[in-house]
C-alpha atoms as a PDB file:
ATOM      1  CA  MET A   1     -42.153  20.997  28.416  1.00  0.00           C
ATOM      2  CA  THR A   2     -39.383  23.488  29.165  1.00  0.00           C
ATOM      3  CA  ARG A   3     -37.662  20.810  31.345  1.00  0.00           C
ATOM      4  CA  ARG A   4     -37.633  18.470  28.309  1.00  0.00           C
ATOM      5  CA  LEU A   5     -36.299  21.151  26.251  1.00  0.00           C
ATOM      6  CA  MET A   6     -33.446  21.863  28.669  1.00  0.00           C
ATOM      7  CA  LEU A   7     -32.629  18.082  28.933  1.00  0.00           C
ATOM      8  CA  LEU A   8     -32.622  17.819  25.139  1.00  0.00           C
ATOM      9  CA  LEU A   9     -30.231  20.961  24.850  1.00  0.00           C
ATOM     10  CA  ALA A  10     -27.914  19.488  27.562  1.00  0.00           C
ATOM     11  CA  ALA A  11     -27.699  16.163  25.731  1.00  0.00           C
ATOM     12  CA  LEU A  12     -26.916  18.017  22.415  1.00  0.00           C
ATOM     13  CA  VAL A  13     -24.128  20.140  24.120  1.00  0.00           C
ATOM     14  CA  LEU A  14     -22.731  16.879  25.715  1.00  0.00           C
ATOM     15  CA  ALA A  15     -22.915  14.999  22.345  1.00  0.00           C
ATOM     16  CA  LEU A  16     -21.023  18.009  20.654  1.00  0.00           C
ATOM     17  CA  GLY A  17     -18.466  17.918  23.449  1.00  0.00           C
ATOM     18  CA  VAL A  18     -17.764  14.268  22.965  1.00  0.00           C
ATOM     19  CA  ALA A  19     -17.605  14.685  19.227  1.00  0.00           C
ATOM     20  CA  ALA A  20     -15.090  17.487  19.492  1.00  0.00           C
ATOM     21  CA  CYS A  21     -12.825  15.482  21.799  1.00  0.00           C
ATOM     22  CA  GLY A  22     -12.930  12.508  19.510  1.00  0.00           C
ATOM     23  CA  GLY A  23     -10.935  14.281  16.941  1.00  0.00           C
ATOM     24  CA  ASP A  24      -7.666  13.968  18.936  1.00  0.00           C
ATOM     25  CA  ASP A  25      -7.379  10.284  18.140  1.00  0.00           C
ATOM     26  CA  ASP A  26      -6.827  11.146  14.558  1.00  0.00           C
ATOM     27  CA  GLU A  27      -3.653  13.088  15.063  1.00  0.00           C
ATOM     28  CA  PRO A  28      -1.087  10.288  15.366  1.00  0.00           C
ATOM     29  CA  ALA A  29      -2.185   9.027  11.848  1.00  0.00           C
ATOM     30  CA  ALA A  30      -1.608  12.480  10.477  1.00  0.00           C
ATOM     31  CA  GLU A  31       2.144  12.252  11.751  1.00  0.00           C
ATOM     32  CA  ALA A  32       2.768   8.895   9.844  1.00  0.00           C
ATOM     33  CA  PRO A  33       3.399  10.395   6.486  1.00  0.00           C
ATOM     34  CA  ALA A  34       6.216  12.475   7.812  1.00  0.00           C
ATOM     35  CA  GLU A  35       8.130   9.278   8.766  1.00  0.00           C
ATOM     36  CA  GLU A  36       7.550   7.903   5.296  1.00  0.00           C
ATOM     37  CA  THR A  37       8.925  11.014   3.662  1.00  0.00           C
ATOM     38  CA  THR A  38      12.144  10.777   5.795  1.00  0.00           C
ATOM     39  CA  THR A  39      12.470   7.189   4.849  1.00  0.00           C
ATOM     40  CA  HIS A  40      11.960   7.939   1.278  1.00  0.00           C
ATOM     41  CA  GLU A  41      14.661  10.743   1.314  1.00  0.00           C
ATOM     42  CA  ASP A  42      17.176   8.341   2.893  1.00  0.00           C
ATOM     43  CA  THR A  43      16.452   6.054  -0.152  1.00  0.00           C
ATOM     44  CA  ALA A  44      16.861   8.716  -2.595  1.00  0.00           C
ATOM     45  CA  GLU A  45      20.378   9.313  -1.524  1.00  0.00           C
ATOM     46  CA  GLY A  46      21.599   6.020  -3.061  1.00  0.00           C
ATOM     47  CA  HIS A  47      19.292   6.360  -6.113  1.00  0.00           C
ATOM     48  CA  ILE A  48      20.713   7.499  -9.557  1.00  0.00           C
ATOM     49  CA  THR A  49      18.639   8.152 -12.632  1.00  0.00           C
ATOM     50  CA  LEU A  50      20.299   7.710 -16.031  1.00  0.00           C
ATOM     51  CA  THR A  51      18.375   8.484 -19.188  1.00  0.00           C
ATOM     52  CA  ALA A  52      19.332   7.071 -22.563  1.00  0.00           C
ATOM     53  CA  ASP A  53      19.272   9.388 -25.463  1.00  0.00           C
ATOM     54  CA  PRO A  54      15.715   9.467 -26.720  1.00  0.00           C
ATOM     55  CA  GLY A  55      16.891   9.662 -30.301  1.00  0.00           C
ATOM     56  CA  GLY A  56      18.568   6.021 -29.804  1.00  0.00           C
ATOM     57  CA  THR A  57      22.167   7.358 -29.996  1.00  0.00           C
ATOM     58  CA  PRO A  58      24.397   5.330 -27.671  1.00  0.00           C
ATOM     59  CA  ALA A  59      24.612   7.981 -24.968  1.00  0.00           C
ATOM     60  CA  PHE A  60      23.469   8.511 -21.343  1.00  0.00           C
ATOM     61  CA  ASP A  61      22.392  11.963 -20.343  1.00  0.00           C
ATOM     62  CA  GLN A  62      25.080  11.964 -17.513  1.00  0.00           C
ATOM     63  CA  THR A  63      28.733  10.724 -17.666  1.00  0.00           C
ATOM     64  CA  GLU A  64      29.713  11.398 -14.135  1.00  0.00           C
ATOM     65  CA  VAL A  65      27.492  10.628 -11.280  1.00  0.00           C
ATOM     66  CA  SER A  66      27.967  10.074  -7.516  1.00  0.00           C
ATOM     67  CA  ALA A  67      26.433   8.249  -4.535  1.00  0.00           C
ATOM     68  CA  PRO A  68      27.223   7.398  -0.915  1.00  0.00           C
ATOM     69  CA  ALA A  69      28.656   3.974  -0.171  1.00  0.00           C
ATOM     70  CA  GLY A  70      26.263   1.250   0.400  1.00  0.00           C
ATOM     71  CA  GLU A  71      23.125   0.185  -1.344  1.00  0.00           C
ATOM     72  CA  ILE A  72      22.836   2.021  -4.776  1.00  0.00           C
ATOM     73  CA  THR A  73      20.029   1.703  -7.335  1.00  0.00           C
ATOM     74  CA  ILE A  74      20.589   2.956 -10.839  1.00  0.00           C
ATOM     75  CA  GLU A  75      17.396   3.582 -12.699  1.00  0.00           C
ATOM     76  CA  LEU A  76      17.742   3.519 -16.469  1.00  0.00           C
ATOM     77  CA  VAL A  77      15.087   5.467 -18.378  1.00  0.00           C
ATOM     78  CA  ASN A  78      15.026   4.535 -22.134  1.00  0.00           C
ATOM     79  CA  ASP A  79      12.272   6.356 -24.198  1.00  0.00           C
ATOM     80  CA  SER A  80      13.760   5.121 -27.605  1.00  0.00           C
ATOM     81  CA  GLY A  81      12.945   1.977 -29.674  1.00  0.00           C
ATOM     82  CA  VAL A  82      16.794   1.148 -29.549  1.00  0.00           C
ATOM     83  CA  PRO A  83      17.591  -1.330 -26.847  1.00  0.00           C
ATOM     84  CA  HIS A  84      19.780  -0.249 -23.924  1.00  0.00           C
ATOM     85  CA  ASN A  85      20.791  -1.479 -20.398  1.00  0.00           C
ATOM     86  CA  VAL A  86      23.236  -0.538 -17.711  1.00  0.00           C
ATOM     87  CA  GLN A  87      26.162  -2.366 -15.952  1.00  0.00           C
ATOM     88  CA  ILE A  88      28.890  -1.556 -13.471  1.00  0.00           C
ATOM     89  CA  GLU A  89      32.178  -2.884 -14.580  1.00  0.00           C
ATOM     90  CA  GLY A  90      33.495  -5.724 -12.409  1.00  0.00           C
ATOM     91  CA  GLU A  91      30.590  -5.397 -10.104  1.00  0.00           C
ATOM     92  CA  THR A  92      27.241  -6.439 -11.683  1.00  0.00           C
ATOM     93  CA  GLU A  93      25.750  -8.201 -14.480  1.00  0.00           C
ATOM     94  CA  PRO A  94      23.698  -5.968 -16.999  1.00  0.00           C
ATOM     95  CA  SER A  95      20.279  -4.786 -16.090  1.00  0.00           C
ATOM     96  CA  GLU A  96      17.462  -5.884 -18.168  1.00  0.00           C
ATOM     97  CA  THR A  97      17.771  -4.824 -21.746  1.00  0.00           C
ATOM     98  CA  ILE A  98      14.781  -2.419 -22.510  1.00  0.00           C
ATOM     99  CA  THR A  99      13.272  -0.399 -25.166  1.00  0.00           C
ATOM    100  CA  GLU A 100      10.624   2.363 -24.328  1.00  0.00           C
ATOM    101  CA  GLY A 101      10.626   1.739 -20.612  1.00  0.00           C
ATOM    102  CA  THR A 102      12.590   1.807 -17.368  1.00  0.00           C
ATOM    103  CA  THR A 103      14.764  -0.778 -15.580  1.00  0.00           C
ATOM    104  CA  GLU A 104      16.764  -0.856 -12.373  1.00  0.00           C
ATOM    105  CA  LEU A 105      20.188  -2.071 -11.370  1.00  0.00           C
ATOM    106  CA  MET A 106      20.983  -2.546  -7.728  1.00  0.00           C
ATOM    107  CA  ALA A 107      24.501  -2.957  -6.195  1.00  0.00           C
ATOM    108  CA  SER A 108      26.196  -2.600  -2.682  1.00  0.00           C
ATOM    109  CA  LEU A 109      29.395  -0.620  -3.272  1.00  0.00           C
ATOM    110  CA  GLU A 110      32.389   0.601  -1.211  1.00  0.00           C
ATOM    111  CA  ALA A 111      33.920   3.936  -1.617  1.00  0.00           C
ATOM    112  CA  GLY A 112      35.749   4.259  -5.008  1.00  0.00           C
ATOM    113  CA  GLU A 113      35.359   4.963  -8.591  1.00  0.00           C
ATOM    114  CA  TYR A 114      33.373   2.692 -10.928  1.00  0.00           C
ATOM    115  CA  ILE A 115      32.633   2.598 -14.704  1.00  0.00           C
ATOM    116  CA  PHE A 116      29.128   2.136 -15.718  1.00  0.00           C
ATOM    117  CA  PHE A 117      28.242   1.314 -19.343  1.00  0.00           C
ATOM    118  CA  CYS A 118      25.542  -0.052 -21.695  1.00  0.00           C
ATOM    119  CA  ALA A 119      26.367  -3.614 -22.523  1.00  0.00           C
ATOM    120  CA  VAL A 120      24.458  -3.994 -25.717  1.00  0.00           C
ATOM    121  CA  PRO A 121      27.174  -4.731 -28.299  1.00  0.00           C
ATOM    122  CA  GLY A 122      28.732  -1.617 -29.826  1.00  0.00           C
ATOM    123  CA  HIS A 123      27.069   0.909 -27.455  1.00  0.00           C
ATOM    124  CA  ARG A 124      29.999   1.205 -24.906  1.00  0.00           C
ATOM    125  CA  GLU A 125      32.448   1.454 -27.880  1.00  0.00           C
ATOM    126  CA  GLY A 126      30.099   4.147 -29.205  1.00  0.00           C
ATOM    127  CA  GLY A 127      30.544   6.245 -25.941  1.00  0.00           C
ATOM    128  CA  MET A 128      27.739   4.851 -23.667  1.00  0.00           C
ATOM    129  CA  GLU A 129      29.671   4.849 -20.440  1.00  0.00           C
ATOM    130  CA  GLY A 130      30.504   7.024 -17.486  1.00  0.00           C
ATOM    131  CA  THR A 131      31.980   7.306 -14.031  1.00  0.00           C
ATOM    132  CA  LEU A 132      30.245   6.482 -10.779  1.00  0.00           C
ATOM    133  CA  THR A 133      32.048   8.016  -7.797  1.00  0.00           C
ATOM    134  CA  VAL A 134      31.055   6.356  -4.404  1.00  0.00           C
ATOM    135  CA  GLU A 135      32.059   8.254  -1.437  1.00  0.00           C
END
């Protein structure tokens, strides 16, 4: 009986040792999110968020923004019931016109200064425009 107990303990120690070694296989998966974060940060460099006045006044929260040359995304947040969109003068068509939502405008731009504005009739004239500096 003592021999059986010794064999059982030896098998248990061996099983625990194998289980402890098996944990190493999970380490590469833990490193993967770090790569995603780096990719996300690179994307964020060309991402601009503009917010329309929540009261509906034709105004963006920023009138001067900047981004690096290349692919640029302008996200427009409009929490009001007044329709707004965003357009880059001479470079893009207007984004989707939205109320109480979010839309995006994408463009590939070289270094320079560009005018962005709301293309809803009367809004640009009401002051809903700004300067985008691409470096």
